[in-house]
Amino acid sequence: MMNYIKENFTPTVTEDKDGMKVILTNESEVVPDCIIWFEPAKRGWSKKPISGNQYIIVDAYLLPLFEFFTKYIGVSEDDYQDLRMNVIHYSMDIMDKHLNG
């Protein structure tokens, strides 16, 4: 599944006053954008994944991706947690590359 995402979605990093986000855009526009939001890590937020640059994931909108994989690839809800974690780690790698140049 991650190979499909890497081959068919373009990641874009944007920043605004609330933090940063990784937007995964489907190249064929079949799947709406998926968004993973990051904020600067605050003291005491140690239980959530933090990228190497101390940004923490605060939310992820992945429903369009889940629906696509369920409908066309046969992924079940039992696989959603693994898929979500894989996409989150992929997004953290994208953020690290963006922030480290």
PDB file of N, CA and C in Angstrom:
ATOM      1  N   MET A   1       0.819  -1.197   0.000  1.00  0.00           N
ATOM      2  CA  MET A   1       0.000   0.000   0.000  1.00  0.00           C
ATOM      3  C   MET A   1       0.866   1.266   0.000  1.00  0.00           C
ATOM      4  N   MET A   2       1.959   1.236   0.766  1.00  0.00           N
ATOM      5  CA  MET A   2       2.807   2.419   0.808  1.00  0.00           C
ATOM      6  C   MET A   2       3.479   2.668  -0.535  1.00  0.00           C
ATOM      7  N   ASN A   3       3.815   1.600  -1.243  1.00  0.00           N
ATOM      8  CA  ASN A   3       4.390   1.796  -2.576  1.00  0.00           C
ATOM      9  C   ASN A   3       3.395   2.506  -3.485  1.00  0.00           C
ATOM     10  N   TYR A   4       2.124   2.121  -3.403  1.00  0.00           N
ATOM     11  CA  TYR A   4       1.096   2.789  -4.202  1.00  0.00           C
ATOM     12  C   TYR A   4       1.016   4.267  -3.836  1.00  0.00           C
ATOM     13  N   ILE A   5       1.030   4.574  -2.553  1.00  0.00           N
ATOM     14  CA  ILE A   5       0.948   5.965  -2.096  1.00  0.00           C
ATOM     15  C   ILE A   5       2.146   6.753  -2.601  1.00  0.00           C
ATOM     16  N   LYS A   6       3.336   6.196  -2.461  1.00  0.00           N
ATOM     17  CA  LYS A   6       4.549   6.899  -2.895  1.00  0.00           C
ATOM     18  C   LYS A   6       4.572   7.122  -4.399  1.00  0.00           C
ATOM     19  N   GLU A   7       4.009   6.191  -5.157  1.00  0.00           N
ATOM     20  CA  GLU A   7       4.008   6.309  -6.612  1.00  0.00           C
ATOM     21  C   GLU A   7       2.889   7.195  -7.150  1.00  0.00           C
ATOM     22  N   ASN A   8       1.776   7.322  -6.413  1.00  0.00           N
ATOM     23  CA  ASN A   8       0.594   7.993  -6.954  1.00  0.00           C
ATOM     24  C   ASN A   8       0.141   9.239  -6.208  1.00  0.00           C
ATOM     25  N   PHE A   9       0.846   9.608  -5.162  1.00  0.00           N
ATOM     26  CA  PHE A   9       0.506  10.806  -4.399  1.00  0.00           C
ATOM     27  C   PHE A   9       1.722  11.718  -4.324  1.00  0.00           C
ATOM     28  N   THR A  10       1.487  12.996  -4.503  1.00  0.00           N
ATOM     29  CA  THR A  10       2.556  13.986  -4.405  1.00  0.00           C
ATOM     30  C   THR A  10       2.461  14.662  -3.047  1.00  0.00           C
ATOM     31  N   PRO A  11       3.534  14.569  -2.240  1.00  0.00           N
ATOM     32  CA  PRO A  11       3.505  15.239  -0.943  1.00  0.00           C
ATOM     33  C   PRO A  11       3.913  16.704  -1.075  1.00  0.00           C
ATOM     34  N   THR A  12       3.209  17.565  -0.360  1.00  0.00           N
ATOM     35  CA  THR A  12       3.526  18.986  -0.308  1.00  0.00           C
ATOM     36  C   THR A  12       3.514  19.409   1.156  1.00  0.00           C
ATOM     37  N   VAL A  13       4.529  20.182   1.558  1.00  0.00           N
ATOM     38  CA  VAL A  13       4.584  20.692   2.923  1.00  0.00           C
ATOM     39  C   VAL A  13       4.223  22.175   2.882  1.00  0.00           C
ATOM     40  N   THR A  14       3.270  22.561   3.723  1.00  0.00           N
ATOM     41  CA  THR A  14       2.892  23.968   3.829  1.00  0.00           C
ATOM     42  C   THR A  14       2.975  24.387   5.288  1.00  0.00           C
ATOM     43  N   GLU A  15       3.085  25.694   5.489  1.00  0.00           N
ATOM     44  CA  GLU A  15       3.183  26.233   6.842  1.00  0.00           C
ATOM     45  C   GLU A  15       2.247  27.424   6.980  1.00  0.00           C
ATOM     46  N   ASP A  16       1.602  27.523   8.146  1.00  0.00           N
ATOM     47  CA  ASP A  16       0.783  28.683   8.455  1.00  0.00           C
ATOM     48  C   ASP A  16       0.957  29.013   9.931  1.00  0.00           C
ATOM     49  N   LYS A  17       0.155  29.908  10.448  1.00  0.00           N
ATOM     50  CA  LYS A  17       0.320  30.363  11.831  1.00  0.00           C
ATOM     51  C   LYS A  17       0.070  29.254  12.855  1.00  0.00           C
ATOM     52  N   ASP A  18      -0.648  28.218  12.477  1.00  0.00           N
ATOM     53  CA  ASP A  18      -0.970  27.128  13.390  1.00  0.00           C
ATOM     54  C   ASP A  18       0.055  26.001  13.385  1.00  0.00           C
ATOM     55  N   GLY A  19       0.940  25.980  12.414  1.00  0.00           N
ATOM     56  CA  GLY A  19       1.939  24.922  12.326  1.00  0.00           C
ATOM     57  C   GLY A  19       2.206  24.550  10.886  1.00  0.00           C
ATOM     58  N   MET A  20       2.487  23.286  10.667  1.00  0.00           N
ATOM     59  CA  MET A  20       2.800  22.805   9.325  1.00  0.00           C
ATOM     60  C   MET A  20       1.892  21.633   9.000  1.00  0.00           C
ATOM     61  N   LYS A  21       1.774  21.359   7.706  1.00  0.00           N
ATOM     62  CA  LYS A  21       1.000  20.194   7.308  1.00  0.00           C
ATOM     63  C   LYS A  21       1.606  19.576   6.061  1.00  0.00           C
ATOM     64  N   VAL A  22       1.437  18.279   5.973  1.00  0.00           N
ATOM     65  CA  VAL A  22       1.816  17.525   4.785  1.00  0.00           C
ATOM     66  C   VAL A  22       0.517  17.196   4.071  1.00  0.00           C
ATOM     67  N   ILE A  23       0.439  17.587   2.816  1.00  0.00           N
ATOM     68  CA  ILE A  23      -0.739  17.312   1.996  1.00  0.00           C
ATOM     69  C   ILE A  23      -0.342  16.279   0.956  1.00  0.00           C
ATOM     70  N   LEU A  24      -1.068  15.174   0.924  1.00  0.00           N
ATOM     71  CA  LEU A  24      -0.840  14.127  -0.069  1.00  0.00           C
ATOM     72  C   LEU A  24      -1.907  14.260  -1.146  1.00  0.00           C
ATOM     73  N   THR A  25      -1.488  14.637  -2.339  1.00  0.00           N
ATOM     74  CA  THR A  25      -2.396  14.878  -3.452  1.00  0.00           C
ATOM     75  C   THR A  25      -2.288  13.739  -4.455  1.00  0.00           C
ATOM     76  N   ASN A  26      -3.428  13.133  -4.780  1.00  0.00           N
ATOM     77  CA  ASN A  26      -3.466  12.054  -5.755  1.00  0.00           C
ATOM     78  C   ASN A  26      -3.256  12.630  -7.138  1.00  0.00           C
ATOM     79  N   GLU A  27      -2.322  12.061  -7.879  1.00  0.00           N
ATOM     80  CA  GLU A  27      -1.981  12.592  -9.198  1.00  0.00           C
ATOM     81  C   GLU A  27      -3.128  12.501 -10.197  1.00  0.00           C
ATOM     82  N   SER A  28      -4.006  11.519 -10.029  1.00  0.00           N
ATOM     83  CA  SER A  28      -5.126  11.387 -10.964  1.00  0.00           C
ATOM     84  C   SER A  28      -6.381  12.093 -10.450  1.00  0.00           C
ATOM     85  N   GLU A  29      -6.282  12.694  -9.286  1.00  0.00           N
ATOM     86  CA  GLU A  29      -7.391  13.420  -8.654  1.00  0.00           C
ATOM     87  C   GLU A  29      -8.587  12.522  -8.339  1.00  0.00           C
ATOM     88  N   VAL A  30      -8.368  11.207  -8.281  1.00  0.00           N
ATOM     89  CA  VAL A  30      -9.435  10.274  -7.937  1.00  0.00           C
ATOM     90  C   VAL A  30      -9.727  10.354  -6.433  1.00  0.00           C
ATOM     91  N   VAL A  31      -8.676  10.526  -5.653  1.00  0.00           N
ATOM     92  CA  VAL A  31      -8.793  10.577  -4.199  1.00  0.00           C
ATOM     93  C   VAL A  31      -8.584  12.021  -3.748  1.00  0.00           C
ATOM     94  N   PRO A  32      -9.501  12.569  -2.952  1.00  0.00           N
ATOM     95  CA  PRO A  32      -9.278  13.918  -2.414  1.00  0.00           C
ATOM     96  C   PRO A  32      -8.001  13.973  -1.572  1.00  0.00           C
ATOM     97  N   ASP A  33      -7.481  15.180  -1.384  1.00  0.00           N
ATOM     98  CA  ASP A  33      -6.254  15.361  -0.613  1.00  0.00           C
ATOM     99  C   ASP A  33      -6.378  14.766   0.785  1.00  0.00           C
ATOM    100  N   CYS A  34      -5.284  14.176   1.230  1.00  0.00           N
ATOM    101  CA  CYS A  34      -5.158  13.705   2.608  1.00  0.00           C
ATOM    102  C   CYS A  34      -4.201  14.662   3.306  1.00  0.00           C
ATOM    103  N   ILE A  35      -4.502  15.021   4.537  1.00  0.00           N
ATOM    104  CA  ILE A  35      -3.736  16.056   5.232  1.00  0.00           C
ATOM    105  C   ILE A  35      -3.295  15.544   6.595  1.00  0.00           C
ATOM    106  N   ILE A  36      -2.021  15.766   6.912  1.00  0.00           N
ATOM    107  CA  ILE A  36      -1.465  15.434   8.217  1.00  0.00           C
ATOM    108  C   ILE A  36      -0.939  16.729   8.815  1.00  0.00           C
ATOM    109  N   TRP A  37      -1.494  17.116   9.973  1.00  0.00           N
ATOM    110  CA  TRP A  37      -1.147  18.379  10.622  1.00  0.00           C
ATOM    111  C   TRP A  37      -0.063  18.178  11.670  1.00  0.00           C
ATOM    112  N   PHE A  38       0.879  19.123  11.720  1.00  0.00           N
ATOM    113  CA  PHE A  38       1.968  19.119  12.697  1.00  0.00           C
ATOM    114  C   PHE A  38       1.977  20.460  13.437  1.00  0.00           C
ATOM    115  N   GLU A  39       2.365  20.424  14.700  1.00  0.00           N
ATOM    116  CA  GLU A  39       2.599  21.644  15.483  1.00  0.00           C
ATOM    117  C   GLU A  39       3.942  21.487  16.168  1.00  0.00           C
ATOM    118  N   PRO A  40       4.570  22.616  16.542  1.00  0.00           N
ATOM    119  CA  PRO A  40       5.800  22.488  17.334  1.00  0.00           C
ATOM    120  C   PRO A  40       5.490  21.723  18.621  1.00  0.00           C
ATOM    121  N   ALA A  41       6.357  20.795  18.965  1.00  0.00           N
ATOM    122  CA  ALA A  41       6.139  19.973  20.162  1.00  0.00           C
ATOM    123  C   ALA A  41       6.217  20.837  21.416  1.00  0.00           C
ATOM    124  N   LYS A  42       5.343  20.530  22.358  1.00  0.00           N
ATOM    125  CA  LYS A  42       5.337  21.230  23.630  1.00  0.00           C
ATOM    126  C   LYS A  42       5.746  20.250  24.716  1.00  0.00           C
ATOM    127  N   ARG A  43       6.266  20.765  25.765  1.00  0.00           N
ATOM    128  CA  ARG A  43       6.686  19.923  26.882  1.00  0.00           C
ATOM    129  C   ARG A  43       5.505  19.066  27.359  1.00  0.00           C
ATOM    130  N   GLY A  44       5.765  17.796  27.590  1.00  0.00           N
ATOM    131  CA  GLY A  44       4.727  16.900  28.075  1.00  0.00           C
ATOM    132  C   GLY A  44       3.989  16.152  26.985  1.00  0.00           C
ATOM    133  N   TRP A  45       4.297  16.400  25.724  1.00  0.00           N
ATOM    134  CA  TRP A  45       3.628  15.702  24.624  1.00  0.00           C
ATOM    135  C   TRP A  45       4.440  14.488  24.178  1.00  0.00           C
ATOM    136  N   SER A  46       4.998  13.770  25.087  1.00  0.00           N
ATOM    137  CA  SER A  46       5.939  12.708  24.743  1.00  0.00           C
ATOM    138  C   SER A  46       5.279  11.415  24.263  1.00  0.00           C
ATOM    139  N   LYS A  47       3.977  11.295  24.325  1.00  0.00           N
ATOM    140  CA  LYS A  47       3.326  10.046  23.934  1.00  0.00           C
ATOM    141  C   LYS A  47       2.906  10.024  22.472  1.00  0.00           C
ATOM    142  N   LYS A  48       3.107  11.100  21.747  1.00  0.00           N
ATOM    143  CA  LYS A  48       2.739  11.145  20.333  1.00  0.00           C
ATOM    144  C   LYS A  48       4.006  11.136  19.482  1.00  0.00           C
ATOM    145  N   PRO A  49       3.915  10.680  18.227  1.00  0.00           N
ATOM    146  CA  PRO A  49       5.112  10.665  17.375  1.00  0.00           C
ATOM    147  C   PRO A  49       5.642  12.066  17.125  1.00  0.00           C
ATOM    148  N   ILE A  50       6.935  12.225  17.290  1.00  0.00           N
ATOM    149  CA  ILE A  50       7.583  13.520  17.055  1.00  0.00           C
ATOM    150  C   ILE A  50       8.614  13.329  15.960  1.00  0.00           C
ATOM    151  N   SER A  51       8.638  14.242  15.000  1.00  0.00           N
ATOM    152  CA  SER A  51       9.660  14.163  13.964  1.00  0.00           C
ATOM    153  C   SER A  51      10.985  14.607  14.568  1.00  0.00           C
ATOM    154  N   GLY A  52      12.070  14.379  13.861  1.00  0.00           N
ATOM    155  CA  GLY A  52      13.398  14.742  14.356  1.00  0.00           C
ATOM    156  C   GLY A  52      13.561  16.219  14.608  1.00  0.00           C
ATOM    157  N   ASN A  53      12.698  17.038  14.062  1.00  0.00           N
ATOM    158  CA  ASN A  53      12.787  18.482  14.240  1.00  0.00           C
ATOM    159  C   ASN A  53      11.802  18.995  15.280  1.00  0.00           C
ATOM    160  N   GLN A  54      11.314  18.111  16.113  1.00  0.00           N
ATOM    161  CA  GLN A  54      10.447  18.456  17.228  1.00  0.00           C
ATOM    162  C   GLN A  54       9.093  19.005  16.819  1.00  0.00           C
ATOM    163  N   TYR A  55       8.569  18.525  15.726  1.00  0.00           N
ATOM    164  CA  TYR A  55       7.181  18.783  15.357  1.00  0.00           C
ATOM    165  C   TYR A  55       6.390  17.535  15.708  1.00  0.00           C
ATOM    166  N   ILE A  56       5.189  17.726  16.187  1.00  0.00           N
ATOM    167  CA  ILE A  56       4.358  16.611  16.606  1.00  0.00           C
ATOM    168  C   ILE A  56       3.109  16.549  15.728  1.00  0.00           C
ATOM    169  N   ILE A  57       2.668  15.356  15.414  1.00  0.00           N
ATOM    170  CA  ILE A  57       1.446  15.194  14.641  1.00  0.00           C
ATOM    171  C   ILE A  57       0.265  15.426  15.567  1.00  0.00           C
ATOM    172  N   VAL A  58      -0.615  16.325  15.164  1.00  0.00           N
ATOM    173  CA  VAL A  58      -1.786  16.619  15.993  1.00  0.00           C
ATOM    174  C   VAL A  58      -3.081  16.093  15.386  1.00  0.00           C
ATOM    175  N   ASP A  59      -3.071  15.811  14.083  1.00  0.00           N
ATOM    176  CA  ASP A  59      -4.277  15.279  13.448  1.00  0.00           C
ATOM    177  C   ASP A  59      -3.912  14.759  12.065  1.00  0.00           C
ATOM    178  N   ALA A  60      -4.751  13.885  11.555  1.00  0.00           N
ATOM    179  CA  ALA A  60      -4.552  13.363  10.203  1.00  0.00           C
ATOM    180  C   ALA A  60      -5.912  13.074   9.587  1.00  0.00           C
ATOM    181  N   TYR A  61      -6.136  13.627   8.403  1.00  0.00           N
ATOM    182  CA  TYR A  61      -7.371  13.363   7.654  1.00  0.00           C
ATOM    183  C   TYR A  61      -7.017  12.381   6.545  1.00  0.00           C
ATOM    184  N   LEU A  62      -7.337  11.107   6.771  1.00  0.00           N
ATOM    185  CA  LEU A  62      -6.976  10.053   5.832  1.00  0.00           C
ATOM    186  C   LEU A  62      -8.181   9.286   5.301  1.00  0.00           C
ATOM    187  N   LEU A  63      -9.374   9.735   5.631  1.00  0.00           N
ATOM    188  CA  LEU A  63     -10.592   9.028   5.244  1.00  0.00           C
ATOM    189  C   LEU A  63     -10.669   8.765   3.738  1.00  0.00           C
ATOM    190  N   PRO A  64     -10.368   9.741   2.870  1.00  0.00           N
ATOM    191  CA  PRO A  64     -10.446   9.448   1.427  1.00  0.00           C
ATOM    192  C   PRO A  64      -9.512   8.304   1.014  1.00  0.00           C
ATOM    193  N   LEU A  65      -8.348   8.247   1.631  1.00  0.00           N
ATOM    194  CA  LEU A  65      -7.400   7.185   1.326  1.00  0.00           C
ATOM    195  C   LEU A  65      -7.939   5.829   1.784  1.00  0.00           C
ATOM    196  N   PHE A  66      -8.489   5.780   2.995  1.00  0.00           N
ATOM    197  CA  PHE A  66      -9.069   4.537   3.505  1.00  0.00           C
ATOM    198  C   PHE A  66     -10.216   4.072   2.604  1.00  0.00           C
ATOM    199  N   GLU A  67     -11.066   4.995   2.212  1.00  0.00           N
ATOM    200  CA  GLU A  67     -12.204   4.623   1.368  1.00  0.00           C
ATOM    201  C   GLU A  67     -11.740   4.091   0.015  1.00  0.00           C
ATOM    202  N   PHE A  68     -10.728   4.726  -0.560  1.00  0.00           N
ATOM    203  CA  PHE A  68     -10.185   4.270  -1.843  1.00  0.00           C
ATOM    204  C   PHE A  68      -9.623   2.858  -1.722  1.00  0.00           C
ATOM    205  N   PHE A  69      -8.779   2.639  -0.711  1.00  0.00           N
ATOM    206  CA  PHE A  69      -8.178   1.314  -0.536  1.00  0.00           C
ATOM    207  C   PHE A  69      -9.221   0.250  -0.228  1.00  0.00           C
ATOM    208  N   THR A  70     -10.262   0.618   0.502  1.00  0.00           N
ATOM    209  CA  THR A  70     -11.321  -0.344   0.814  1.00  0.00           C
ATOM    210  C   THR A  70     -12.092  -0.719  -0.442  1.00  0.00           C
ATOM    211  N   LYS A  71     -12.434   0.277  -1.242  1.00  0.00           N
ATOM    212  CA  LYS A  71     -13.261   0.044  -2.430  1.00  0.00           C
ATOM    213  C   LYS A  71     -12.513  -0.654  -3.559  1.00  0.00           C
ATOM    214  N   TYR A  72     -11.253  -0.238  -3.802  1.00  0.00           N
ATOM    215  CA  TYR A  72     -10.557  -0.718  -4.987  1.00  0.00           C
ATOM    216  C   TYR A  72      -9.467  -1.752  -4.724  1.00  0.00           C
ATOM    217  N   ILE A  73      -8.999  -1.839  -3.502  1.00  0.00           N
ATOM    218  CA  ILE A  73      -7.901  -2.756  -3.217  1.00  0.00           C
ATOM    219  C   ILE A  73      -8.315  -3.830  -2.215  1.00  0.00           C
ATOM    220  N   GLY A  74      -9.472  -3.673  -1.607  1.00  0.00           N
ATOM    221  CA  GLY A  74      -9.971  -4.690  -0.701  1.00  0.00           C
ATOM    222  C   GLY A  74      -9.410  -4.638   0.705  1.00  0.00           C
ATOM    223  N   VAL A  75      -8.931  -3.487   1.117  1.00  0.00           N
ATOM    224  CA  VAL A  75      -8.417  -3.320   2.474  1.00  0.00           C
ATOM    225  C   VAL A  75      -9.609  -3.305   3.431  1.00  0.00           C
ATOM    226  N   SER A  76      -9.454  -3.963   4.569  1.00  0.00           N
ATOM    227  CA  SER A  76     -10.541  -3.978   5.554  1.00  0.00           C
ATOM    228  C   SER A  76     -10.245  -2.981   6.674  1.00  0.00           C
ATOM    229  N   GLU A  77     -11.250  -2.715   7.478  1.00  0.00           N
ATOM    230  CA  GLU A  77     -11.064  -1.801   8.604  1.00  0.00           C
ATOM    231  C   GLU A  77     -10.010  -2.304   9.569  1.00  0.00           C
ATOM    232  N   ASP A  78      -9.793  -3.601   9.606  1.00  0.00           N
ATOM    233  CA  ASP A  78      -8.750  -4.159  10.469  1.00  0.00           C
ATOM    234  C   ASP A  78      -7.356  -3.679  10.074  1.00  0.00           C
ATOM    235  N   ASP A  79      -7.198  -3.260   8.816  1.00  0.00           N
ATOM    236  CA  ASP A  79      -5.902  -2.796   8.316  1.00  0.00           C
ATOM    237  C   ASP A  79      -5.698  -1.291   8.480  1.00  0.00           C
ATOM    238  N   TYR A  80      -6.729  -0.566   8.872  1.00  0.00           N
ATOM    239  CA  TYR A  80      -6.650   0.896   8.936  1.00  0.00           C
ATOM    240  C   TYR A  80      -5.567   1.388   9.887  1.00  0.00           C
ATOM    241  N   GLN A  81      -5.434   0.765  11.047  1.00  0.00           N
ATOM    242  CA  GLN A  81      -4.442   1.236  12.014  1.00  0.00           C
ATOM    243  C   GLN A  81      -3.028   1.125  11.451  1.00  0.00           C
ATOM    244  N   ASP A  82      -2.715   0.001  10.814  1.00  0.00           N
ATOM    245  CA  ASP A  82      -1.387  -0.163  10.222  1.00  0.00           C
ATOM    246  C   ASP A  82      -1.168   0.833   9.094  1.00  0.00           C
ATOM    247  N   LEU A  83      -2.177   1.011   8.251  1.00  0.00           N
ATOM    248  CA  LEU A  83      -2.072   1.971   7.160  1.00  0.00           C
ATOM    249  C   LEU A  83      -1.876   3.382   7.705  1.00  0.00           C
ATOM    250  N   ARG A  84      -2.649   3.733   8.724  1.00  0.00           N
ATOM    251  CA  ARG A  84      -2.533   5.065   9.340  1.00  0.00           C
ATOM    252  C   ARG A  84      -1.118   5.280   9.883  1.00  0.00           C
ATOM    253  N   MET A  85      -0.578   4.305  10.589  1.00  0.00           N
ATOM    254  CA  MET A  85       0.766   4.445  11.152  1.00  0.00           C
ATOM    255  C   MET A  85       1.818   4.554  10.050  1.00  0.00           C
ATOM    256  N   ASN A  86       1.662   3.784   8.981  1.00  0.00           N
ATOM    257  CA  ASN A  86       2.607   3.873   7.864  1.00  0.00           C
ATOM    258  C   ASN A  86       2.568   5.247   7.208  1.00  0.00           C
ATOM    259  N   VAL A  87       1.375   5.791   7.018  1.00  0.00           N
ATOM    260  CA  VAL A  87       1.252   7.118   6.409  1.00  0.00           C
ATOM    261  C   VAL A  87       1.814   8.186   7.345  1.00  0.00           C
ATOM    262  N   ILE A  88       1.593   8.041   8.638  1.00  0.00           N
ATOM    263  CA  ILE A  88       2.139   8.998   9.611  1.00  0.00           C
ATOM    264  C   ILE A  88       3.664   8.973   9.584  1.00  0.00           C
ATOM    265  N   HIS A  89       4.261   7.797   9.589  1.00  0.00           N
ATOM    266  CA  HIS A  89       5.724   7.720   9.540  1.00  0.00           C
ATOM    267  C   HIS A  89       6.270   8.263   8.220  1.00  0.00           C
ATOM    268  N   TYR A  90       5.577   7.994   7.141  1.00  0.00           N
ATOM    269  CA  TYR A  90       5.957   8.555   5.842  1.00  0.00           C
ATOM    270  C   TYR A  90       5.895  10.080   5.885  1.00  0.00           C
ATOM    271  N   SER A  91       4.848  10.623   6.490  1.00  0.00           N
ATOM    272  CA  SER A  91       4.706  12.078   6.614  1.00  0.00           C
ATOM    273  C   SER A  91       5.798  12.674   7.495  1.00  0.00           C
ATOM    274  N   MET A  92       6.172  11.958   8.540  1.00  0.00           N
ATOM    275  CA  MET A  92       7.265  12.431   9.397  1.00  0.00           C
ATOM    276  C   MET A  92       8.573  12.481   8.611  1.00  0.00           C
ATOM    277  N   ASP A  93       8.815  11.487   7.769  1.00  0.00           N
ATOM    278  CA  ASP A  93      10.012  11.501   6.919  1.00  0.00           C
ATOM    279  C   ASP A  93       9.988  12.683   5.957  1.00  0.00           C
ATOM    280  N   ILE A  94       8.825  12.961   5.395  1.00  0.00           N
ATOM    281  CA  ILE A  94       8.686  14.107   4.481  1.00  0.00           C
ATOM    282  C   ILE A  94       9.001  15.395   5.224  1.00  0.00           C
ATOM    283  N   MET A  95       8.458  15.543   6.438  1.00  0.00           N
ATOM    284  CA  MET A  95       8.733  16.746   7.240  1.00  0.00           C
ATOM    285  C   MET A  95      10.209  16.877   7.544  1.00  0.00           C
ATOM    286  N   ASP A  96      10.838  15.794   7.946  1.00  0.00           N
ATOM    287  CA  ASP A  96      12.285  15.828   8.255  1.00  0.00           C
ATOM    288  C   ASP A  96      13.093  16.271   7.043  1.00  0.00           C
ATOM    289  N   LYS A  97      12.775  15.718   5.866  1.00  0.00           N
ATOM    290  CA  LYS A  97      13.479  16.112   4.646  1.00  0.00           C
ATOM    291  C   LYS A  97      13.236  17.578   4.322  1.00  0.00           C
ATOM    292  N   HIS A  98      12.017  18.034   4.512  1.00  0.00           N
ATOM    293  CA  HIS A  98      11.682  19.430   4.240  1.00  0.00           C
ATOM    294  C   HIS A  98      12.446  20.374   5.174  1.00  0.00           C
ATOM    295  N   LEU A  99      12.496  20.046   6.439  1.00  0.00           N
ATOM    296  CA  LEU A  99      13.119  20.923   7.422  1.00  0.00           C
ATOM    297  C   LEU A  99      14.641  20.841   7.409  1.00  0.00           C
ATOM    298  N   ASN A 100      15.178  19.719   6.976  1.00  0.00           N
ATOM    299  CA  ASN A 100      16.635  19.553   6.933  1.00  0.00           C
ATOM    300  C   ASN A 100      17.229  19.861   5.572  1.00  0.00           C
ATOM    301  N   GLY A 101      16.365  20.171   4.617  1.00  0.00           N
ATOM    302  CA  GLY A 101      16.841  20.544   3.291  1.00  0.00           C
ATOM    303  C   GLY A 101      17.192  19.419   2.475  1.00  0.00           C
TER     304      GLY A 101
END
